[in-house]
N, C-alpha and C. Protein backbone atom coordinates (compact mmCIF):
# COMPACT_ATOMS: atom_id res chain seq x y z
N UNK A 1 71.94 167.93 -83.23
CA UNK A 1 71.75 168.63 -82.11
C UNK A 1 73.00 168.20 -81.11
N UNK A 2 73.41 169.20 -80.44
CA UNK A 2 74.51 169.13 -79.52
C UNK A 2 74.10 169.00 -78.13
N UNK A 3 74.44 167.90 -77.33
CA UNK A 3 74.29 167.70 -76.01
C UNK A 3 75.49 168.05 -75.23
N UNK A 4 75.49 168.99 -74.25
CA UNK A 4 76.65 169.31 -73.38
C UNK A 4 76.86 168.54 -72.24
N UNK A 5 77.83 168.71 -71.55
CA UNK A 5 78.02 167.94 -70.22
C UNK A 5 77.05 168.35 -69.14
N UNK A 6 76.70 169.67 -69.09
CA UNK A 6 75.66 170.07 -68.20
C UNK A 6 74.19 169.43 -68.40
N UNK A 7 73.90 169.13 -69.46
CA UNK A 7 72.63 168.46 -69.87
C UNK A 7 72.68 167.16 -69.54
N UNK A 8 73.82 166.40 -69.73
CA UNK A 8 73.90 165.06 -69.30
C UNK A 8 73.85 164.92 -67.86
N UNK A 9 74.46 165.89 -67.02
CA UNK A 9 74.43 165.81 -65.45
C UNK A 9 72.92 165.94 -65.23
N UNK A 10 72.28 166.92 -65.71
CA UNK A 10 70.96 167.23 -65.40
C UNK A 10 70.02 165.96 -65.63
N UNK A 11 70.08 165.46 -66.84
CA UNK A 11 69.27 164.27 -67.17
C UNK A 11 69.64 163.09 -66.32
N UNK A 12 70.97 162.89 -66.05
CA UNK A 12 71.34 161.79 -65.17
C UNK A 12 70.71 161.93 -63.70
N UNK A 13 70.58 163.21 -63.38
CA UNK A 13 70.06 163.59 -61.99
C UNK A 13 68.60 163.28 -61.92
N UNK A 14 67.88 163.67 -63.10
CA UNK A 14 66.45 163.40 -63.15
C UNK A 14 66.17 161.92 -63.22
N UNK A 15 66.98 161.20 -63.91
CA UNK A 15 66.75 159.75 -64.04
C UNK A 15 67.32 158.96 -63.03
N UNK A 16 68.11 159.64 -61.99
CA UNK A 16 68.63 158.96 -60.86
C UNK A 16 69.82 157.90 -61.33
N UNK A 17 70.54 158.38 -62.22
CA UNK A 17 71.58 157.63 -62.67
C UNK A 17 72.94 158.19 -62.26
N UNK A 18 74.02 157.30 -61.97
CA UNK A 18 75.30 157.77 -61.47
C UNK A 18 76.09 157.69 -62.76
N UNK A 19 76.63 158.75 -63.37
CA UNK A 19 77.52 158.75 -64.35
C UNK A 19 78.83 159.27 -63.92
N UNK A 20 79.89 158.48 -63.92
CA UNK A 20 81.21 159.05 -63.55
C UNK A 20 81.58 160.23 -64.22
N UNK A 21 82.35 161.11 -63.61
CA UNK A 21 82.78 162.42 -64.22
C UNK A 21 83.61 162.16 -65.34
N UNK A 22 84.44 161.18 -65.45
CA UNK A 22 85.33 161.01 -66.46
C UNK A 22 84.53 160.49 -67.80
N UNK A 23 83.26 160.10 -67.59
CA UNK A 23 82.51 159.55 -68.78
C UNK A 23 81.51 160.43 -69.22
N UNK A 24 81.32 161.64 -68.66
CA UNK A 24 80.27 162.70 -68.95
C UNK A 24 80.41 163.31 -70.50
N UNK A 25 81.54 163.57 -70.86
CA UNK A 25 82.08 163.83 -72.28
C UNK A 25 81.55 162.86 -73.19
N UNK A 26 82.06 161.55 -72.96
CA UNK A 26 81.58 160.44 -73.82
C UNK A 26 80.00 160.29 -74.03
N UNK A 27 79.31 160.44 -72.75
CA UNK A 27 77.91 160.14 -72.90
C UNK A 27 77.20 161.39 -73.49
N UNK A 28 77.83 162.53 -73.36
CA UNK A 28 77.21 163.71 -74.05
C UNK A 28 77.49 163.47 -75.72
N UNK A 29 78.63 163.08 -76.16
CA UNK A 29 78.97 162.77 -77.52
C UNK A 29 77.90 161.69 -78.09
N UNK A 30 77.69 160.62 -77.25
CA UNK A 30 76.76 159.51 -77.74
C UNK A 30 75.44 160.05 -77.78
N UNK A 31 75.08 160.75 -76.85
CA UNK A 31 73.62 161.33 -76.85
C UNK A 31 73.39 162.33 -78.02
N UNK A 32 74.42 163.05 -78.32
CA UNK A 32 74.29 163.95 -79.56
C UNK A 32 74.13 163.02 -80.85
N UNK A 33 74.97 161.90 -80.96
CA UNK A 33 74.76 161.12 -82.12
C UNK A 33 73.56 160.54 -82.29
N UNK A 34 72.96 160.02 -81.06
CA UNK A 34 71.55 159.40 -81.19
C UNK A 34 70.57 160.52 -81.51
N UNK A 35 70.67 161.66 -81.17
CA UNK A 35 69.64 162.77 -81.57
C UNK A 35 69.83 163.10 -82.95
N UNK A 36 71.16 163.23 -83.44
CA UNK A 36 71.28 163.39 -84.86
C UNK A 36 70.81 162.42 -85.59
N UNK A 37 70.83 161.16 -85.30
CA UNK A 37 70.36 159.89 -85.98
C UNK A 37 68.72 160.04 -85.86
N UNK A 38 68.36 160.25 -84.88
CA UNK A 38 66.79 160.40 -84.76
C UNK A 38 66.26 161.62 -85.75
N UNK A 39 67.03 162.62 -85.77
CA UNK A 39 66.59 163.69 -86.63
C UNK A 39 66.71 163.32 -88.14
N UNK A 40 67.71 162.50 -88.49
CA UNK A 40 67.92 161.98 -89.83
C UNK A 40 66.60 161.11 -90.19
N UNK A 41 66.30 160.22 -89.26
CA UNK A 41 65.04 159.36 -89.43
C UNK A 41 63.88 160.20 -89.61
N UNK A 42 63.53 161.26 -88.92
CA UNK A 42 62.42 161.98 -89.16
C UNK A 42 62.28 162.79 -90.48
N UNK A 43 63.48 163.01 -91.12
CA UNK A 43 63.45 163.74 -92.51
C UNK A 43 63.41 162.78 -93.47
N UNK A 44 63.46 161.37 -93.33
CA UNK A 44 63.61 160.40 -94.28
C UNK A 44 62.19 160.29 -95.13
N UNK A 45 62.13 160.33 -96.41
CA UNK A 45 60.98 160.50 -96.97
C UNK A 45 60.79 159.19 -98.02
N UNK A 46 61.64 158.18 -97.76
CA UNK A 46 61.54 156.98 -98.59
C UNK A 46 60.29 156.17 -98.09
N UNK A 47 60.07 155.12 -99.17
CA UNK A 47 59.11 154.22 -98.77
C UNK A 47 59.72 153.10 -97.91
N UNK A 48 58.82 152.01 -97.72
CA UNK A 48 59.21 151.00 -97.02
C UNK A 48 59.93 149.82 -97.80
N UNK A 49 61.16 149.44 -97.44
CA UNK A 49 61.83 148.59 -98.50
C UNK A 49 61.07 147.23 -98.56
N UNK A 50 61.30 146.69 -99.80
CA UNK A 50 60.64 145.41 -99.93
C UNK A 50 61.59 144.27 -99.34
N UNK A 51 61.07 143.34 -98.87
CA UNK A 51 61.79 142.32 -98.03
C UNK A 51 61.67 140.89 -98.84
N UNK A 52 60.83 140.87 -99.79
CA UNK A 52 60.49 139.62 -100.33
C UNK A 52 59.04 139.35 -100.32
N UNK A 53 58.63 138.16 -100.68
CA UNK A 53 57.20 137.81 -100.80
C UNK A 53 56.61 138.07 -99.52
N UNK A 54 55.28 138.35 -99.66
CA UNK A 54 54.47 138.45 -98.33
C UNK A 54 54.30 137.20 -97.56
N UNK A 55 54.40 137.32 -96.31
CA UNK A 55 54.23 136.13 -95.48
C UNK A 55 52.76 135.67 -95.34
N UNK A 56 52.67 134.36 -95.06
CA UNK A 56 51.14 133.85 -95.04
C UNK A 56 51.27 133.19 -93.52
N UNK A 57 50.05 133.07 -92.90
CA UNK A 57 49.79 132.62 -91.76
C UNK A 57 49.28 131.22 -91.86
N UNK A 58 49.70 130.23 -91.11
CA UNK A 58 49.19 129.04 -91.16
C UNK A 58 47.82 128.77 -90.51
N UNK A 59 47.06 127.88 -90.86
CA UNK A 59 45.87 127.68 -90.33
C UNK A 59 45.95 127.23 -88.92
N UNK A 60 45.27 127.73 -87.93
CA UNK A 60 45.29 127.39 -86.65
C UNK A 60 44.74 125.95 -86.51
N UNK A 61 45.40 125.14 -85.87
CA UNK A 61 44.72 123.81 -85.59
C UNK A 61 44.72 123.66 -84.03
N UNK A 62 43.63 123.24 -83.67
CA UNK A 62 43.51 123.11 -82.19
C UNK A 62 44.36 122.19 -81.50
N UNK A 63 44.93 122.38 -80.37
CA UNK A 63 45.95 121.46 -79.71
C UNK A 63 45.09 120.64 -78.75
N UNK A 64 45.38 119.23 -79.02
CA UNK A 64 44.45 118.36 -78.09
C UNK A 64 44.98 118.51 -76.61
N UNK A 65 44.04 118.38 -75.56
CA UNK A 65 44.57 118.45 -74.23
C UNK A 65 45.49 117.20 -73.84
N UNK A 66 45.70 116.26 -74.82
CA UNK A 66 46.52 115.23 -74.55
C UNK A 66 48.12 115.25 -74.93
N UNK A 67 48.60 116.62 -74.81
CA UNK A 67 49.92 116.78 -75.30
C UNK A 67 50.88 116.44 -74.12
N UNK A 68 52.08 116.43 -74.41
CA UNK A 68 53.09 116.08 -73.42
C UNK A 68 53.15 116.88 -72.20
N UNK A 69 53.00 118.18 -72.34
CA UNK A 69 53.02 119.01 -71.10
C UNK A 69 51.75 118.62 -70.20
N UNK A 70 50.62 118.22 -70.69
CA UNK A 70 49.46 117.80 -70.05
C UNK A 70 49.78 116.50 -69.12
N UNK A 71 50.64 115.53 -69.82
CA UNK A 71 50.84 114.20 -69.31
C UNK A 71 51.86 114.52 -68.10
N UNK A 72 52.83 115.38 -68.22
CA UNK A 72 53.90 115.51 -67.18
C UNK A 72 53.40 116.50 -65.99
N UNK A 73 52.26 117.03 -66.21
CA UNK A 73 51.78 118.04 -65.21
C UNK A 73 51.32 117.32 -63.91
N UNK A 74 51.55 117.85 -62.87
CA UNK A 74 51.11 117.29 -61.60
C UNK A 74 49.69 117.24 -61.55
N UNK A 75 49.06 118.37 -61.87
CA UNK A 75 47.65 118.62 -61.85
C UNK A 75 47.14 119.11 -63.12
N UNK A 76 46.31 118.44 -63.96
CA UNK A 76 45.73 118.80 -65.24
C UNK A 76 44.21 118.74 -65.16
N UNK A 77 43.50 119.79 -65.24
CA UNK A 77 41.97 119.68 -65.27
C UNK A 77 41.37 120.38 -66.38
N UNK A 78 40.55 119.84 -67.02
CA UNK A 78 39.78 120.39 -68.07
C UNK A 78 40.78 121.16 -69.14
N UNK A 79 41.95 120.59 -69.50
CA UNK A 79 42.72 121.12 -70.56
C UNK A 79 43.56 122.18 -69.94
N UNK A 80 43.74 122.47 -68.60
CA UNK A 80 44.65 123.52 -68.12
C UNK A 80 45.49 122.79 -67.19
N UNK A 81 46.69 123.39 -67.20
CA UNK A 81 47.78 122.92 -66.13
C UNK A 81 47.73 123.72 -65.05
N UNK A 82 47.66 123.21 -63.86
CA UNK A 82 48.08 124.03 -62.52
C UNK A 82 49.40 124.11 -62.28
N UNK A 83 49.86 125.40 -62.27
CA UNK A 83 51.28 125.46 -61.80
C UNK A 83 51.39 125.86 -60.45
N UNK A 84 52.33 125.09 -59.75
CA UNK A 84 52.35 125.26 -58.24
C UNK A 84 53.09 126.63 -58.07
N UNK A 85 52.82 127.26 -56.89
CA UNK A 85 53.50 128.55 -56.68
C UNK A 85 55.09 128.43 -56.54
N UNK A 86 55.79 129.44 -56.98
CA UNK A 86 57.23 129.35 -56.76
C UNK A 86 57.62 129.89 -55.40
N UNK A 87 58.33 129.11 -54.61
CA UNK A 87 58.80 129.55 -53.26
C UNK A 87 59.58 130.98 -53.33
N UNK A 88 59.27 131.77 -52.47
CA UNK A 88 59.83 133.24 -52.15
C UNK A 88 59.64 134.02 -53.32
N UNK A 89 58.95 133.73 -54.25
CA UNK A 89 58.56 134.56 -55.58
C UNK A 89 57.76 135.86 -55.14
N UNK A 90 58.23 136.93 -55.52
CA UNK A 90 57.45 138.23 -55.27
C UNK A 90 57.39 139.07 -56.47
């Protein structure tokens, strides 16, 4: 699928993006390449490639509340660490 410069300008306007005029042609080519690649992916009928033996999960082991982070925390109650607020964070 071919994307033209006018389409890039319209999409940039809708997305509130500033695309310099000297780059509009390059962006149109890149968008066309992306859409062509997506089209090729949708037509692919192959299976999922094998990547080796299946992975196994480890057995979860409970973490005792006596771990290093708990020791270094300023306030630790009932297995939870109280984190102080970050100044001026919003």
